[in-house]
Amino acid sequence: MNKIVSLTISHANLSGIIPKSFHSNLTFIDLSDNLLKGSIHTSITLFSNLKSLNLSKNSISGDIPDSIDDLISLEYLSLSFKKVSGPIPDSISSIQELTHLDLSGNQLNGTVPRFISKVKYLTHLNLANNAFHGVLPVMQASSKTSKCSKSEVFFNASFTMEMFCFVKNEEEEL
């Protein structure tokens, strides 16, 4: 069992609380579309090799732990369609490899943090159906995203498409 790196148990009517620990070699966890409840335990952040975490479509509640930035290898994070509340923690800005962030369909509130515009490789951002207010920060283009059509940004307020277009960061040009 020491070689298991991927765990997928989705659409399985799995119930109970999210386990406080997983095998340390896991790089991929997908427990989406189940009947899991409780909060996201801070021990999940002990898996520094984790690249993908999908806990969407469960009955998980509470805040996103501030220690989420301990998931330094994380590329894909989906916590959509749950009862997650509170603000988006600033610590997410420290996850340098993050390409996909889906926090839609929750009870998140406050303003969208300015750091969202500076996550270097972010190509998918979904914040729809939350209680955010204020102005969405202008997104900076990474080397992987150079125009609007390559990225998806969803927000539950009235904005023009131009607000979502990525602006080429002059520092990244050679």
C-alpha atoms as a PDB file:
ATOM      1  CA  MET A   1       0.000   0.000   0.000  1.00  0.00           C
ATOM      2  CA  ASN A   2       3.016   2.331   0.202  1.00  0.00           C
ATOM      3  CA  LYS A   3       2.902   2.955  -3.554  1.00  0.00           C
ATOM      4  CA  ILE A   4      -0.654   4.317  -3.781  1.00  0.00           C
ATOM      5  CA  VAL A   5      -0.525   7.851  -5.177  1.00  0.00           C
ATOM      6  CA  SER A   6      -4.117   8.347  -6.369  1.00  0.00           C
ATOM      7  CA  LEU A   7      -7.414   7.978  -4.506  1.00  0.00           C
ATOM      8  CA  THR A   8     -10.716   8.388  -6.347  1.00  0.00           C
ATOM      9  CA  ILE A   9     -13.976   7.605  -4.590  1.00  0.00           C
ATOM     10  CA  SER A  10     -16.481   9.855  -6.333  1.00  0.00           C
ATOM     11  CA  HIS A  11     -20.203   9.456  -7.036  1.00  0.00           C
ATOM     12  CA  ALA A  12     -20.258   6.595  -4.508  1.00  0.00           C
ATOM     13  CA  ASN A  13     -22.688   7.832  -1.818  1.00  0.00           C
ATOM     14  CA  LEU A  14     -19.748   7.726   0.590  1.00  0.00           C
ATOM     15  CA  SER A  15     -20.904   9.191   3.905  1.00  0.00           C
ATOM     16  CA  GLY A  16     -19.323  10.311   7.141  1.00  0.00           C
ATOM     17  CA  ILE A  17     -16.703  12.930   7.840  1.00  0.00           C
ATOM     18  CA  ILE A  18     -13.611  13.687   5.774  1.00  0.00           C
ATOM     19  CA  PRO A  19     -10.780  11.533   7.138  1.00  0.00           C
ATOM     20  CA  LYS A  20      -8.225  13.450   9.191  1.00  0.00           C
ATOM     21  CA  SER A  21      -5.384  11.625   7.494  1.00  0.00           C
ATOM     22  CA  PHE A  22      -4.575   9.971   4.195  1.00  0.00           C
ATOM     23  CA  HIS A  23      -1.593   7.995   2.954  1.00  0.00           C
ATOM     24  CA  SER A  24       1.366  10.370   2.749  1.00  0.00           C
ATOM     25  CA  ASN A  25       2.299   9.401  -0.834  1.00  0.00           C
ATOM     26  CA  LEU A  26      -1.014  10.561  -2.296  1.00  0.00           C
ATOM     27  CA  THR A  27      -0.741  13.150  -5.036  1.00  0.00           C
ATOM     28  CA  PHE A  28      -4.381  12.958  -6.198  1.00  0.00           C
ATOM     29  CA  ILE A  29      -7.514  12.870  -3.990  1.00  0.00           C
ATOM     30  CA  ASP A  30     -11.011  12.942  -5.505  1.00  0.00           C
ATOM     31  CA  LEU A  31     -13.862  12.439  -3.042  1.00  0.00           C
ATOM     32  CA  SER A  32     -16.332  14.511  -5.058  1.00  0.00           C
ATOM     33  CA  ASP A  33     -20.088  14.027  -5.270  1.00  0.00           C
ATOM     34  CA  ASN A  34     -20.560  12.048  -2.076  1.00  0.00           C
ATOM     35  CA  LEU A  35     -22.317  12.578   1.247  1.00  0.00           C
ATOM     36  CA  LEU A  36     -19.285  13.665   3.274  1.00  0.00           C
ATOM     37  CA  LYS A  37     -19.821  16.232   6.019  1.00  0.00           C
ATOM     38  CA  GLY A  38     -17.856  18.126   8.621  1.00  0.00           C
ATOM     39  CA  SER A  39     -15.085  20.617   8.026  1.00  0.00           C
ATOM     40  CA  ILE A  40     -11.845  20.533   6.085  1.00  0.00           C
ATOM     41  CA  HIS A  41      -9.435  19.376   8.762  1.00  0.00           C
ATOM     42  CA  THR A  42      -6.077  21.137   8.896  1.00  0.00           C
ATOM     43  CA  SER A  43      -4.293  17.771   8.759  1.00  0.00           C
ATOM     44  CA  ILE A  44      -5.131  17.610   5.024  1.00  0.00           C
ATOM     45  CA  THR A  45      -2.461  20.251   4.570  1.00  0.00           C
ATOM     46  CA  LEU A  46       0.276  17.859   5.702  1.00  0.00           C
ATOM     47  CA  PHE A  47       0.439  16.324   2.227  1.00  0.00           C
ATOM     48  CA  SER A  48       3.055  18.480   0.562  1.00  0.00           C
ATOM     49  CA  ASN A  49       3.090  16.150  -2.492  1.00  0.00           C
ATOM     50  CA  LEU A  50      -0.633  16.582  -3.161  1.00  0.00           C
ATOM     51  CA  LYS A  51      -1.235  17.967  -6.674  1.00  0.00           C
ATOM     52  CA  SER A  52      -5.020  17.604  -6.929  1.00  0.00           C
ATOM     53  CA  LEU A  53      -7.724  17.882  -4.265  1.00  0.00           C
ATOM     54  CA  ASN A  54     -11.388  17.591  -5.257  1.00  0.00           C
ATOM     55  CA  LEU A  55     -13.909  17.662  -2.414  1.00  0.00           C
ATOM     56  CA  SER A  56     -16.719  19.234  -4.451  1.00  0.00           C
ATOM     57  CA  LYS A  57     -20.404  18.359  -4.128  1.00  0.00           C
ATOM     58  CA  ASN A  58     -20.399  17.179  -0.509  1.00  0.00           C
ATOM     59  CA  SER A  59     -21.888  18.670   2.664  1.00  0.00           C
ATOM     60  CA  ILE A  60     -18.612  20.021   3.967  1.00  0.00           C
ATOM     61  CA  SER A  61     -18.864  23.263   5.922  1.00  0.00           C
ATOM     62  CA  GLY A  62     -16.697  25.778   7.728  1.00  0.00           C
ATOM     63  CA  ASP A  63     -13.757  27.899   6.652  1.00  0.00           C
ATOM     64  CA  ILE A  64     -10.953  27.004   4.276  1.00  0.00           C
ATOM     65  CA  PRO A  65      -8.004  26.423   6.635  1.00  0.00           C
ATOM     66  CA  ASP A  66      -5.336  29.139   6.605  1.00  0.00           C
ATOM     67  CA  SER A  67      -2.740  26.366   6.448  1.00  0.00           C
ATOM     68  CA  ILE A  68      -3.928  25.491   2.906  1.00  0.00           C
ATOM     69  CA  ASP A  69      -0.676  27.050   1.678  1.00  0.00           C
ATOM     70  CA  ASP A  70       1.195  24.057   3.109  1.00  0.00           C
ATOM     71  CA  LEU A  71      -0.013  22.190   0.008  1.00  0.00           C
ATOM     72  CA  ILE A  72       2.925  23.595  -1.926  1.00  0.00           C
ATOM     73  CA  SER A  73       2.586  21.218  -4.907  1.00  0.00           C
ATOM     74  CA  LEU A  74      -1.159  21.754  -5.357  1.00  0.00           C
ATOM     75  CA  GLU A  75      -2.231  22.465  -8.939  1.00  0.00           C
ATOM     76  CA  TYR A  76      -5.972  21.682  -8.799  1.00  0.00           C
ATOM     77  CA  LEU A  77      -8.318  22.642  -5.952  1.00  0.00           C
ATOM     78  CA  SER A  78     -12.082  22.197  -6.155  1.00  0.00           C
ATOM     79  CA  LEU A  79     -14.236  22.901  -3.124  1.00  0.00           C
ATOM     80  CA  SER A  80     -17.360  23.728  -5.123  1.00  0.00           C
ATOM     81  CA  PHE A  81     -21.009  23.249  -4.174  1.00  0.00           C
ATOM     82  CA  LYS A  82     -20.641  22.858  -0.438  1.00  0.00           C
ATOM     83  CA  LYS A  83     -21.260  24.996   2.600  1.00  0.00           C
ATOM     84  CA  VAL A  84     -17.767  26.438   2.891  1.00  0.00           C
ATOM     85  CA  SER A  85     -17.938  29.909   4.439  1.00  0.00           C
ATOM     86  CA  GLY A  86     -15.824  32.873   5.421  1.00  0.00           C
ATOM     87  CA  PRO A  87     -13.338  34.750   3.256  1.00  0.00           C
ATOM     88  CA  ILE A  88     -10.855  33.197   0.830  1.00  0.00           C
ATOM     89  CA  PRO A  89      -7.693  32.887   2.932  1.00  0.00           C
ATOM     90  CA  ASP A  90      -4.759  34.989   1.735  1.00  0.00           C
ATOM     91  CA  SER A  91      -2.564  31.931   2.251  1.00  0.00           C
ATOM     92  CA  ILE A  92      -3.815  30.505  -1.077  1.00  0.00           C
ATOM     93  CA  SER A  93      -1.534  33.049  -2.748  1.00  0.00           C
ATOM     94  CA  SER A  94       1.473  31.013  -1.606  1.00  0.00           C
ATOM     95  CA  ILE A  95       0.456  27.983  -3.674  1.00  0.00           C
ATOM     96  CA  GLN A  96       2.691  28.789  -6.625  1.00  0.00           C
ATOM     97  CA  GLU A  97       1.683  25.902  -8.941  1.00  0.00           C
ATOM     98  CA  LEU A  98      -2.098  26.398  -8.682  1.00  0.00           C
ATOM     99  CA  THR A  99      -3.744  26.275 -12.127  1.00  0.00           C
ATOM    100  CA  HIS A 100      -7.374  25.445 -11.254  1.00  0.00           C
ATOM    101  CA  LEU A 101      -9.330  27.002  -8.382  1.00  0.00           C
ATOM    102  CA  ASP A 102     -13.060  26.293  -8.104  1.00  0.00           C
ATOM    103  CA  LEU A 103     -14.781  27.688  -5.021  1.00  0.00           C
ATOM    104  CA  SER A 104     -18.216  28.114  -6.638  1.00  0.00           C
ATOM    105  CA  GLY A 105     -21.539  27.407  -4.968  1.00  0.00           C
ATOM    106  CA  ASN A 106     -20.465  28.077  -1.395  1.00  0.00           C
ATOM    107  CA  GLN A 107     -21.130  30.699   1.256  1.00  0.00           C
ATOM    108  CA  LEU A 108     -17.808  32.491   0.879  1.00  0.00           C
ATOM    109  CA  ASN A 109     -17.949  36.223   1.550  1.00  0.00           C
ATOM    110  CA  GLY A 110     -15.963  39.416   1.642  1.00  0.00           C
ATOM    111  CA  THR A 111     -14.042  40.800  -1.280  1.00  0.00           C
ATOM    112  CA  VAL A 112     -12.081  38.753  -3.781  1.00  0.00           C
ATOM    113  CA  PRO A 113      -8.493  39.040  -2.530  1.00  0.00           C
ATOM    114  CA  ARG A 114      -6.115  41.017  -4.741  1.00  0.00           C
ATOM    115  CA  PHE A 115      -3.630  38.138  -4.740  1.00  0.00           C
ATOM    116  CA  ILE A 116      -5.997  36.173  -7.028  1.00  0.00           C
ATOM    117  CA  SER A 117      -4.767  38.383  -9.849  1.00  0.00           C
ATOM    118  CA  LYS A 118      -1.177  37.348  -9.209  1.00  0.00           C
ATOM    119  CA  VAL A 119      -1.350  33.557  -8.974  1.00  0.00           C
ATOM    120  CA  LYS A 120       1.181  32.861 -11.694  1.00  0.00           C
ATOM    121  CA  TYR A 121      -0.236  29.798 -13.459  1.00  0.00           C
ATOM    122  CA  LEU A 122      -3.954  30.126 -12.702  1.00  0.00           C
ATOM    123  CA  THR A 123      -5.960  29.257 -15.832  1.00  0.00           C
ATOM    124  CA  HIS A 124      -9.358  28.434 -14.289  1.00  0.00           C
ATOM    125  CA  LEU A 125     -11.041  30.491 -11.575  1.00  0.00           C
ATOM    126  CA  ASN A 126     -14.664  29.903 -10.588  1.00  0.00           C
ATOM    127  CA  LEU A 127     -16.072  32.009  -7.745  1.00  0.00           C
ATOM    128  CA  ALA A 128     -19.735  31.995  -8.852  1.00  0.00           C
ATOM    129  CA  ASN A 129     -22.656  31.707  -6.457  1.00  0.00           C
ATOM    130  CA  ASN A 130     -21.009  33.049  -3.324  1.00  0.00           C
ATOM    131  CA  ALA A 131     -21.561  36.243  -1.344  1.00  0.00           C
ATOM    132  CA  PHE A 132     -18.587  38.247  -2.618  1.00  0.00           C
ATOM    133  CA  HIS A 133     -18.791  41.992  -3.089  1.00  0.00           C
ATOM    134  CA  GLY A 134     -16.573  44.693  -4.441  1.00  0.00           C
ATOM    135  CA  VAL A 135     -14.357  44.797  -7.498  1.00  0.00           C
ATOM    136  CA  LEU A 136     -12.769  41.773  -9.129  1.00  0.00           C
ATOM    137  CA  PRO A 137      -9.011  42.387  -9.420  1.00  0.00           C
ATOM    138  CA  VAL A 138      -7.529  42.690 -12.915  1.00  0.00           C
ATOM    139  CA  MET A 139      -5.970  39.342 -13.783  1.00  0.00           C
ATOM    140  CA  GLN A 140      -2.322  39.145 -14.831  1.00  0.00           C
ATOM    141  CA  ALA A 141      -1.495  36.812 -17.704  1.00  0.00           C
ATOM    142  CA  SER A 142       0.902  33.978 -17.069  1.00  0.00           C
ATOM    143  CA  SER A 143       2.977  32.310 -19.711  1.00  0.00           C
ATOM    144  CA  LYS A 144       0.129  29.811 -20.037  1.00  0.00           C
ATOM    145  CA  THR A 145      -2.671  32.371 -20.347  1.00  0.00           C
ATOM    146  CA  SER A 146      -2.275  35.149 -22.823  1.00  0.00           C
ATOM    147  CA  LYS A 147      -5.860  35.902 -23.787  1.00  0.00           C
ATOM    148  CA  CYS A 148      -9.351  35.705 -22.384  1.00  0.00           C
ATOM    149  CA  SER A 149     -10.464  32.659 -24.314  1.00  0.00           C
ATOM    150  CA  LYS A 150      -7.872  30.446 -22.648  1.00  0.00           C
ATOM    151  CA  SER A 151      -9.146  31.104 -19.152  1.00  0.00           C
ATOM    152  CA  GLU A 152     -12.463  30.835 -17.440  1.00  0.00           C
ATOM    153  CA  VAL A 153     -13.528  33.272 -14.770  1.00  0.00           C
ATOM    154  CA  PHE A 154     -16.981  33.119 -13.243  1.00  0.00           C
ATOM    155  CA  PHE A 155     -18.381  35.590 -10.739  1.00  0.00           C
ATOM    156  CA  ASN A 156     -21.904  36.216  -9.503  1.00  0.00           C
ATOM    157  CA  ALA A 157     -22.144  39.934 -10.111  1.00  0.00           C
ATOM    158  CA  SER A 158     -22.485  42.274 -13.048  1.00  0.00           C
ATOM    159  CA  PHE A 159     -19.163  42.715 -14.793  1.00  0.00           C
ATOM    160  CA  THR A 160     -18.113  43.271 -18.361  1.00  0.00           C
ATOM    161  CA  MET A 161     -16.013  40.667 -20.162  1.00  0.00           C
ATOM    162  CA  GLU A 162     -13.187  43.181 -20.457  1.00  0.00           C
ATOM    163  CA  MET A 163     -12.793  43.058 -16.693  1.00  0.00           C
ATOM    164  CA  PHE A 164     -11.900  39.391 -16.959  1.00  0.00           C
ATOM    165  CA  CYS A 165      -9.379  39.746 -19.757  1.00  0.00           C
ATOM    166  CA  PHE A 166      -5.848  39.017 -18.786  1.00  0.00           C
ATOM    167  CA  VAL A 167      -3.289  41.778 -18.938  1.00  0.00           C
ATOM    168  CA  LYS A 168       0.168  40.727 -20.097  1.00  0.00           C
ATOM    169  CA  ASN A 169       2.626  41.226 -17.271  1.00  0.00           C
ATOM    170  CA  GLU A 170       5.582  43.216 -18.618  1.00  0.00           C
ATOM    171  CA  GLU A 171       7.934  41.530 -16.137  1.00  0.00           C
ATOM    172  CA  GLU A 172       7.331  38.166 -17.796  1.00  0.00           C
ATOM    173  CA  GLU A 173       8.272  39.259 -21.298  1.00  0.00           C
ATOM    174  CA  LEU A 174      11.761  38.351 -22.449  1.00  0.00           C
END
